[in-house]
């Protein structure tokens, strides 16, 4: 029986829900990354490192709330804080003490954070950061890097060099203020030389698409110097890396202080939440001016900004992960997983490799086999191999085969939490080897 047929047979409840979803949701999904042929898995419950679907199938989960759950599903201190707050109210329509405590935790952990403004998502955070930068510098243009992801709003929708065709739904006039270049200091310098109206440079702290493609060593330091020389603001996007790579994110590890930092994911402990944090003089553009002052305020409403439920969960989460032990545990587990998965590729003689940073892992199948198995950082590998990625059919079949064996990857990769176990890793490596062999038998590898 084919991999796909096994999947269909094991997931009749998910198939039925997907049929319903197609009538009311475009392509039947609410997030692009959840689209999977013939249909996605529909979850019912989750706890710790595992989740269960509507058909009763259990999975070792590496999606981890799209990276938001460093502590896994339903971590006790976070759940207890949210439950206490739920009984008190979810939206006061007023200021509350927890929003102050939440901001204080961000300032305590993030090296560049002097002042914080909360949003409801990472996309909103990058949008706010860009607006602040334009207001502060008086320059309208933005420099971003190829394939670096900063959400879905108009100014960051394009991921590759703009060639006269704006992304669907984005005005051409918007793209005239966006400059996209390769992630090298030479390219960034040339772009800023040609466009003196660039007021902000935004960069994913670990490289494109959460570290799928690395940035060169020393790039962040060089970019910090370049922006200071040109009077532009450096915005470090730590939506994914913030609190996961280290309590203070990549900027703590690299010793680089951006002007503004965008945060989300782990920030709210698995609840909706984002933030912009940074220099007080820049962030004060959000402040109401004193009587008689002429400076124009940057407006920022937002119905669910720092709502009490997200604030309670966020405070509990940040206090729990502040000592770095959870990051260390998740990092060690990811390294063990990457090494085991590469071992299976070598054992089976299947071209491909698994690599990653911190507690994430990425899979590339096809192309070139590595001479020996081990754990690889993206900078250890030739960039063309990383850019090639995995052929779509191979990716689909391996994902389905893994789901049939009780493992849920986040596309071609995923993230570990601090509550995954050595048993989870062993189960995953075994399922991975069996899935590879089955996909090869079907001619996909």
Protein backbone atom coordinates (compact mmCIF):
# COMPACT_ATOMS: atom_id res chain seq x y z
CA UNK A 1 0.00 0.00 0.00
CA UNK A 2 1.32 3.45 -0.90
CA UNK A 3 2.37 6.01 1.71
CA UNK A 4 -0.48 8.30 0.72
CA UNK A 5 -3.10 5.56 0.92
CA UNK A 6 -1.86 4.57 4.37
CA UNK A 7 -2.22 8.20 5.41
CA UNK A 8 -5.77 8.41 4.05
CA UNK A 9 -6.74 5.19 5.84
CA UNK A 10 -5.25 6.33 9.18
CA UNK A 11 -6.86 9.78 9.16
CA UNK A 12 -10.55 9.57 8.17
CA UNK A 13 -11.55 12.21 10.73
CA UNK A 14 -9.03 14.70 9.42
CA UNK A 15 -10.23 13.99 5.86
CA UNK A 16 -13.82 14.76 6.84
CA UNK A 17 -12.83 18.00 8.57
CA UNK A 18 -10.79 19.07 5.57
CA UNK A 19 -13.82 18.57 3.33
CA UNK A 20 -15.81 20.86 5.66
CA UNK A 21 -12.99 23.40 5.80
CA UNK A 22 -12.84 23.70 2.02
CA UNK A 23 -16.33 25.22 2.01
CA UNK A 24 -15.44 28.09 4.35
CA UNK A 25 -11.62 28.51 4.28
CA UNK A 26 -9.42 29.14 1.21
CA UNK A 27 -7.68 25.83 0.47
CA UNK A 28 -9.17 24.65 3.76
CA UNK A 29 -6.40 26.11 5.94
CA UNK A 30 -5.77 29.14 8.15
CA UNK A 31 -1.98 29.32 7.72
CA UNK A 32 -0.03 28.67 4.52
CA UNK A 33 2.42 26.31 6.23
CA UNK A 34 -0.39 23.97 7.32
CA UNK A 35 -1.35 23.10 3.77
CA UNK A 36 -0.53 19.46 2.98
CA UNK A 37 -1.79 17.15 0.27
CA UNK A 38 -4.05 15.21 0.37
CA UNK A 39 -5.16 16.97 3.58
CA UNK A 40 -3.55 18.18 6.83
CA UNK A 41 -3.78 16.56 10.24
CA UNK A 42 -6.42 18.02 12.56
CA UNK A 43 -5.27 18.07 16.19
CA UNK A 44 -7.52 17.60 19.21
CA UNK A 45 -5.23 17.79 22.25
CA UNK A 46 -1.59 18.29 23.19
CA UNK A 47 0.59 17.86 26.26
CA UNK A 48 4.33 18.12 26.72
CA UNK A 49 6.14 16.97 23.58
CA UNK A 50 3.17 15.17 22.04
CA UNK A 51 -0.20 15.85 20.49
CA UNK A 52 -3.17 13.76 19.44
CA UNK A 53 -5.33 14.15 16.35
CA UNK A 54 -9.07 13.74 15.90
CA UNK A 55 -8.57 10.09 14.93
CA UNK A 56 -6.69 9.30 18.14
CA UNK A 57 -3.25 9.14 16.52
CA UNK A 58 -0.44 10.43 18.75
CA UNK A 59 2.57 12.34 17.43
CA UNK A 60 5.93 13.47 18.70
CA UNK A 61 5.50 17.14 17.86
CA UNK A 62 8.26 19.23 16.28
CA UNK A 63 6.02 22.03 15.06
CA UNK A 64 5.83 23.26 18.65
CA UNK A 65 3.30 25.98 17.99
CA UNK A 66 5.30 27.25 14.98
CA UNK A 67 8.25 27.68 17.34
CA UNK A 68 6.34 29.39 20.15
CA UNK A 69 6.55 26.50 22.62
CA UNK A 70 10.08 26.20 23.99
CA UNK A 71 8.45 24.69 27.09
CA UNK A 72 6.24 22.31 25.13
CA UNK A 73 2.47 22.06 25.31
CA UNK A 74 0.73 22.97 28.56
CA UNK A 75 3.79 23.72 30.69
CA UNK A 76 2.48 23.85 34.30
CA UNK A 77 3.63 27.32 35.35
CA UNK A 78 2.34 28.88 32.14
CA UNK A 79 -0.96 27.01 32.25
CA UNK A 80 -1.51 27.90 35.90
CA UNK A 81 -0.83 31.59 35.25
CA UNK A 82 -3.23 31.61 32.29
CA UNK A 83 -5.94 29.77 34.26
CA UNK A 84 -5.68 32.26 37.14
CA UNK A 85 -6.03 35.14 34.74
CA UNK A 86 -8.88 33.51 32.81
CA UNK A 87 -10.94 33.54 36.00
CA UNK A 88 -10.23 37.24 36.45
CA UNK A 89 -10.84 38.38 32.88
CA UNK A 90 -9.36 38.21 29.39
CA UNK A 91 -9.82 41.82 28.26
CA UNK A 92 -10.27 44.72 30.63
CA UNK A 93 -10.22 47.49 28.06
CA UNK A 94 -7.90 49.17 30.57
CA UNK A 95 -4.29 49.14 31.66
CA UNK A 96 -3.23 46.42 34.11
CA UNK A 97 -0.23 45.47 36.23
CA UNK A 98 0.71 42.38 34.22
CA UNK A 99 1.57 44.42 31.13
CA UNK A 100 4.17 46.27 33.20
CA UNK A 101 5.59 43.03 34.58
CA UNK A 102 5.75 41.59 31.07
CA UNK A 103 7.66 44.61 29.76
CA UNK A 104 10.01 44.47 32.74
CA UNK A 105 10.87 40.84 31.92
CA UNK A 106 11.64 41.74 28.30
CA UNK A 107 13.89 44.61 29.38
CA UNK A 108 15.62 42.31 31.87
CA UNK A 109 16.39 39.62 29.28
CA UNK A 110 16.92 41.39 25.93
CA UNK A 111 20.20 43.36 25.90
CA UNK A 112 19.00 46.12 23.55
CA UNK A 113 15.59 46.60 25.17
CA UNK A 114 15.14 49.88 27.01
CA UNK A 115 11.45 50.38 26.23
CA UNK A 116 8.83 47.90 24.95
CA UNK A 117 5.60 48.18 22.98
CA UNK A 118 3.43 45.08 22.66
CA UNK A 119 1.57 43.93 19.56
CA UNK A 120 -0.48 40.82 18.80
CA UNK A 121 1.94 39.13 16.38
CA UNK A 122 5.40 39.15 14.86
CA UNK A 123 4.09 40.64 11.62
CA UNK A 124 2.63 43.56 13.54
CA UNK A 125 5.94 43.97 15.36
CA UNK A 126 7.99 44.33 12.18
CA UNK A 127 5.41 46.70 10.72
CA UNK A 128 5.63 48.87 13.84
CA UNK A 129 9.43 48.78 13.84
CA UNK A 130 9.59 50.01 10.25
CA UNK A 131 7.14 52.83 10.94
CA UNK A 132 9.16 53.92 13.96
CA UNK A 133 12.35 53.89 11.89
CA UNK A 134 10.83 56.05 9.17
CA UNK A 135 9.53 58.52 11.70
CA UNK A 136 12.83 58.70 13.56
CA UNK A 137 15.16 58.99 10.55
CA UNK A 138 12.87 60.85 8.19
CA UNK A 139 13.84 58.41 5.45
CA UNK A 140 11.19 56.30 3.70
CA UNK A 141 13.15 53.38 2.28
CA UNK A 142 13.88 49.96 3.78
CA UNK A 143 16.75 47.55 3.10
CA UNK A 144 16.01 43.86 3.60
CA UNK A 145 17.83 40.70 2.55
CA UNK A 146 16.96 37.99 0.08
CA UNK A 147 14.70 35.25 1.50
CA UNK A 148 14.66 36.83 4.96
CA UNK A 149 11.16 36.49 6.38
CA UNK A 150 9.59 39.23 8.49
CA UNK A 151 5.89 38.46 8.29
CA UNK A 152 3.33 39.10 5.59
CA UNK A 153 2.67 42.87 5.50
CA UNK A 154 3.30 44.80 2.29
CA UNK A 155 6.80 46.09 3.03
CA UNK A 156 8.29 42.65 3.67
CA UNK A 157 6.17 40.47 1.36
CA UNK A 158 8.86 40.24 -1.33
CA UNK A 159 11.58 37.74 -0.50
CA UNK A 160 13.86 38.04 -3.53
CA UNK A 161 15.32 40.87 -5.56
CA UNK A 162 12.57 43.12 -6.82
CA UNK A 163 12.40 42.88 -10.61
CA UNK A 164 9.41 45.02 -11.47
CA UNK A 165 6.66 42.63 -10.40
CA UNK A 166 5.29 43.33 -6.94
CA UNK A 167 3.94 40.41 -4.89
CA UNK A 168 0.22 39.78 -5.34
CA UNK A 169 -1.81 42.50 -3.68
CA UNK A 170 1.15 44.78 -2.95
CA UNK A 171 1.14 48.22 -4.66
CA UNK A 172 4.04 49.04 -6.96
CA UNK A 173 4.45 52.31 -5.07
CA UNK A 174 5.17 50.37 -1.87
CA UNK A 175 7.90 48.34 -3.56
CA UNK A 176 9.61 51.55 -4.67
CA UNK A 177 10.58 52.07 -1.02
CA UNK A 178 11.91 48.52 -0.52
CA UNK A 179 15.45 47.52 -1.50
CA UNK A 180 16.36 43.81 -1.44
CA UNK A 181 19.93 42.56 -1.68
CA UNK A 182 21.99 39.44 -0.89
CA UNK A 183 23.07 39.10 2.75
CA UNK A 184 26.62 40.35 2.33
CA UNK A 185 28.17 43.51 3.68
CA UNK A 186 29.37 44.45 0.20
CA UNK A 187 25.85 44.24 -1.20
CA UNK A 188 24.38 46.13 1.76
CA UNK A 189 26.97 48.89 1.42
CA UNK A 190 26.33 49.21 -2.31
CA UNK A 191 22.58 49.36 -1.74
CA UNK A 192 22.91 52.09 0.85
CA UNK A 193 25.30 54.03 -1.41
CA UNK A 194 22.74 53.94 -4.20
CA UNK A 195 19.77 54.77 -1.96
CA UNK A 196 20.56 57.47 0.63
CA UNK A 197 16.87 57.43 1.55
CA UNK A 198 17.27 54.08 3.33
CA UNK A 199 16.36 54.70 6.97
CA UNK A 200 16.18 51.14 8.24
CA UNK A 201 17.88 47.80 7.67
CA UNK A 202 16.04 44.70 8.88
CA UNK A 203 17.69 41.30 9.26
CA UNK A 204 16.74 37.86 10.54
CA UNK A 205 19.20 37.34 13.36
CA UNK A 206 20.06 33.70 12.48
CA UNK A 207 19.77 33.97 8.71
CA UNK A 208 17.02 33.59 6.14
CA UNK A 209 13.87 31.72 7.15
CA UNK A 210 14.88 31.15 10.76
CA UNK A 211 18.41 30.09 9.87
CA UNK A 212 17.64 27.90 6.87
CA UNK A 213 20.24 29.92 4.96
CA UNK A 214 22.99 31.30 7.20
CA UNK A 215 24.39 34.78 7.31
CA UNK A 216 28.19 35.06 7.10
CA UNK A 217 30.22 35.10 10.29
CA UNK A 218 30.61 38.66 11.55
CA UNK A 219 27.74 39.89 9.38
CA UNK A 220 25.68 41.30 12.24
CA UNK A 221 28.64 43.21 13.66
CA UNK A 222 29.44 44.58 10.21
CA UNK A 223 25.84 45.58 9.65
CA UNK A 224 25.75 47.32 13.01
CA UNK A 225 28.79 49.39 12.02
CA UNK A 226 27.44 50.13 8.55
CA UNK A 227 24.08 51.39 9.82
CA UNK A 228 25.76 53.57 12.43
CA UNK A 229 27.98 55.13 9.74
CA UNK A 230 24.98 55.86 7.50
CA UNK A 231 22.61 57.06 10.20
CA UNK A 232 20.13 54.25 9.56
CA UNK A 233 18.47 52.11 12.21
CA UNK A 234 19.28 48.42 12.54
CA UNK A 235 16.21 46.27 13.21
CA UNK A 236 17.02 42.75 14.37
CA UNK A 237 14.15 40.35 13.78
CA UNK A 238 14.25 37.92 16.71
CA UNK A 239 10.66 36.73 16.40
CA UNK A 240 11.96 33.14 16.15
CA UNK A 241 15.38 33.38 17.80
CA UNK A 242 14.38 35.61 20.70
CA UNK A 243 14.45 33.66 23.99
CA UNK A 244 15.13 30.40 22.06
CA UNK A 245 18.77 30.77 20.97
CA UNK A 246 19.47 32.21 24.43
CA UNK A 247 17.39 34.09 27.03
CA UNK A 248 18.46 37.31 25.32
CA UNK A 249 18.34 35.90 21.80
CA UNK A 250 21.04 36.01 19.14
CA UNK A 251 22.03 39.53 20.18
CA UNK A 252 23.08 38.15 23.56
CA UNK A 253 25.21 35.43 21.95
CA UNK A 254 26.75 37.71 19.32
CA UNK A 255 27.16 40.79 21.47
CA UNK A 256 25.37 43.03 18.95
CA UNK A 257 22.90 45.70 20.03
CA UNK A 258 20.38 46.69 17.36
CA UNK A 259 18.37 49.88 17.58
CA UNK A 260 15.11 47.94 17.53
CA UNK A 261 14.27 44.28 18.11
CA UNK A 262 11.09 42.53 17.02
CA UNK A 263 9.81 39.67 19.17
CA UNK A 264 6.92 37.18 19.25
CA UNK A 265 6.66 33.35 19.51
CA UNK A 266 8.08 32.41 22.95
CA UNK A 267 7.43 35.96 24.21
CA UNK A 268 3.80 35.12 25.05
CA UNK A 269 4.24 31.54 26.24
CA UNK A 270 2.11 30.06 23.45
CA UNK A 271 -0.55 32.79 23.44
CA UNK A 272 -0.87 35.57 20.83
CA UNK A 273 1.69 38.31 21.37
CA UNK A 274 4.50 40.28 19.80
CA UNK A 275 6.61 43.28 20.69
CA UNK A 276 9.02 45.92 19.52
CA UNK A 277 11.79 46.70 21.97
CA UNK A 278 14.74 49.03 21.70
CA UNK A 279 16.31 52.42 22.21
CA UNK A 280 14.31 54.78 24.36
CA UNK A 281 14.75 57.77 22.02
CA UNK A 282 13.36 55.77 19.10
CA UNK A 283 10.57 54.10 21.05
CA UNK A 284 9.50 57.46 22.49
CA UNK A 285 8.11 58.28 19.05
CA UNK A 286 5.12 56.32 20.35
CA UNK A 287 4.77 58.57 23.40
CA UNK A 288 2.20 61.32 23.63
CA UNK A 289 3.95 64.69 23.24
CA UNK A 290 4.07 67.19 26.07
CA UNK A 291 1.74 70.19 25.81
CA UNK A 292 3.07 72.62 23.23
CA UNK A 293 5.47 70.11 21.64
CA UNK A 294 5.48 69.88 17.86
CA UNK A 295 6.82 66.37 17.34
CA UNK A 296 4.31 64.08 15.64
CA UNK A 297 3.41 60.91 17.51
CA UNK A 298 3.44 57.52 15.77
CA UNK A 299 -0.03 56.15 16.39
CA UNK A 300 -0.49 52.61 17.62
CA UNK A 301 -3.83 51.16 18.69
CA UNK A 302 -4.46 47.41 18.83
CA UNK A 303 -7.39 45.77 20.57
CA UNK A 304 -5.42 42.84 21.95
CA UNK A 305 -2.06 44.52 22.66
CA UNK A 306 -0.76 43.11 25.97
CA UNK A 307 -4.13 41.56 26.76
CA UNK A 308 -4.22 40.15 30.31
CA UNK A 309 -4.23 36.49 29.23
CA UNK A 310 -1.16 36.81 26.97
CA UNK A 311 0.54 38.98 29.57
CA UNK A 312 0.04 36.41 32.33
CA UNK A 313 1.34 33.55 30.17
CA UNK A 314 4.21 35.69 28.89
CA UNK A 315 5.40 36.70 32.33
CA UNK A 316 5.30 33.09 33.54
CA UNK A 317 7.13 31.82 30.46
CA UNK A 318 9.89 34.44 30.48
CA UNK A 319 10.54 33.93 34.19
CA UNK A 320 10.75 30.17 33.64
CA UNK A 321 13.25 30.34 30.78
CA UNK A 322 15.36 33.19 32.14
CA UNK A 323 18.25 31.06 33.46
CA UNK A 324 18.93 29.43 30.08
CA UNK A 325 18.55 25.84 31.24
CA UNK A 326 15.54 25.19 29.03
CA UNK A 327 17.38 26.53 25.99
CA UNK A 328 20.37 24.30 26.80
CA UNK A 329 18.16 21.22 27.12
CA UNK A 330 16.34 21.89 23.84
CA UNK A 331 19.65 22.59 22.08
CA UNK A 332 21.20 19.32 23.26
CA UNK A 333 18.16 17.34 22.15
CA UNK A 334 18.18 18.96 18.71
CA UNK A 335 21.87 18.13 18.27
CA UNK A 336 21.17 14.51 19.18
CA UNK A 337 18.25 14.41 16.75
CA UNK A 338 20.22 15.93 13.87
CA UNK A 339 23.09 13.48 14.43
CA UNK A 340 20.73 10.49 14.53
CA UNK A 341 18.87 11.55 11.41
CA UNK A 342 22.11 12.03 9.50
CA UNK A 343 23.18 8.58 10.64
CA UNK A 344 20.07 7.08 9.05
CA UNK A 345 20.74 8.87 5.78
CA UNK A 346 24.27 7.45 5.73
CA UNK A 347 23.09 3.96 6.69
CA UNK A 348 20.56 3.90 3.87
CA UNK A 349 22.87 5.57 1.35
CA UNK A 350 20.30 8.25 0.61
CA UNK A 351 21.66 11.63 -0.51
CA UNK A 352 20.78 14.46 1.83
CA UNK A 353 21.58 15.91 5.22
CA UNK A 354 20.07 17.44 8.34
CA UNK A 355 21.49 20.64 9.82
CA UNK A 356 20.51 23.46 12.12
CA UNK A 357 21.19 25.99 14.83
CA UNK A 358 20.23 25.99 18.49
CA UNK A 359 17.08 23.91 18.95
CA UNK A 360 15.93 23.78 15.33
CA UNK A 361 16.66 21.36 12.52
CA UNK A 362 16.34 21.50 8.74
CA UNK A 363 16.19 18.68 6.20
CA UNK A 364 17.54 18.65 2.64
CA UNK A 365 16.94 15.46 0.66
CA UNK A 366 18.47 14.67 -2.71
CA UNK A 367 21.48 16.20 -4.36
CA UNK A 368 24.63 15.43 -2.43
CA UNK A 369 25.37 12.92 0.32
CA UNK A 370 27.74 14.03 3.07
CA UNK A 371 30.85 11.88 3.62
CA UNK A 372 30.01 11.12 7.24
CA UNK A 373 27.13 11.59 9.59
CA UNK A 374 27.18 14.09 12.41
CA UNK A 375 25.71 17.42 13.42
CA UNK A 376 26.03 20.29 10.95
CA UNK A 377 25.68 24.03 11.36
CA UNK A 378 24.49 25.74 8.15
CA UNK A 379 27.83 27.51 7.85
CA UNK A 380 29.47 24.06 7.61
CA UNK A 381 27.70 23.38 4.31
CA UNK A 382 27.90 24.85 0.79
CA UNK A 383 25.21 27.47 0.29
CA UNK A 384 24.01 26.05 -3.09
CA UNK A 385 23.14 22.76 -1.34
CA UNK A 386 21.04 24.61 1.24
CA UNK A 387 19.34 26.75 -1.41
CA UNK A 388 18.36 23.68 -3.46
CA UNK A 389 16.11 22.34 -0.71
CA UNK A 390 14.07 19.15 -1.04
CA UNK A 391 11.99 18.33 -4.14
CA UNK A 392 8.30 18.87 -3.43
CA UNK A 393 7.19 15.28 -4.01
CA UNK A 394 9.93 13.86 -1.77
CA UNK A 395 9.08 16.37 0.94
CA UNK A 396 5.38 15.50 0.81
CA UNK A 397 5.86 11.74 0.94
CA UNK A 398 8.39 11.83 3.76
CA UNK A 399 6.11 14.07 5.81
CA UNK A 400 3.17 11.72 5.25
CA UNK A 401 5.27 8.66 6.06
CA UNK A 402 6.43 10.29 9.30
CA UNK A 403 2.85 11.17 10.25
CA UNK A 404 1.90 7.55 9.63
CA UNK A 405 4.56 6.65 12.21
CA UNK A 406 3.58 9.24 14.81
CA UNK A 407 6.00 12.09 14.08
CA UNK A 408 4.93 15.60 13.02
CA UNK A 409 7.59 17.77 11.38
CA UNK A 410 7.15 21.46 10.58
CA UNK A 411 7.55 21.10 6.83
CA UNK A 412 11.15 20.11 6.11
CA UNK A 413 12.32 20.45 9.70
CA UNK A 414 11.11 21.55 13.09
CA UNK A 415 12.11 22.53 16.61
CA UNK A 416 12.67 20.71 19.85
CA UNK A 417 11.37 21.85 23.22
CA UNK A 418 12.90 21.44 26.65
CA UNK A 419 10.34 18.74 27.46
CA UNK A 420 11.13 16.39 24.59
CA UNK A 421 12.76 13.22 25.91
CA UNK A 422 15.55 10.92 24.82
CA UNK A 423 12.80 8.42 24.06
CA UNK A 424 11.13 10.94 21.74
CA UNK A 425 14.42 11.39 19.89
CA UNK A 426 14.95 7.63 19.56
CA UNK A 427 11.39 7.13 18.30
CA UNK A 428 11.83 9.93 15.79
CA UNK A 429 15.13 8.63 14.42
CA UNK A 430 13.60 5.16 13.97
CA UNK A 431 10.53 6.60 12.22
CA UNK A 432 12.77 8.76 10.07
CA UNK A 433 14.79 5.79 8.83
CA UNK A 434 11.67 3.77 8.04
CA UNK A 435 10.06 6.74 6.28
CA UNK A 436 13.13 7.35 4.13
CA UNK A 437 13.24 3.70 3.07
CA UNK A 438 9.56 3.71 2.21
CA UNK A 439 9.80 6.96 0.21
CA UNK A 440 12.80 5.52 -1.66
CA UNK A 441 10.80 2.39 -2.50
CA UNK A 442 8.14 4.63 -4.04
CA UNK A 443 10.78 6.32 -6.18
CA UNK A 444 10.70 9.70 -4.44
CA UNK A 445 14.32 9.49 -3.25
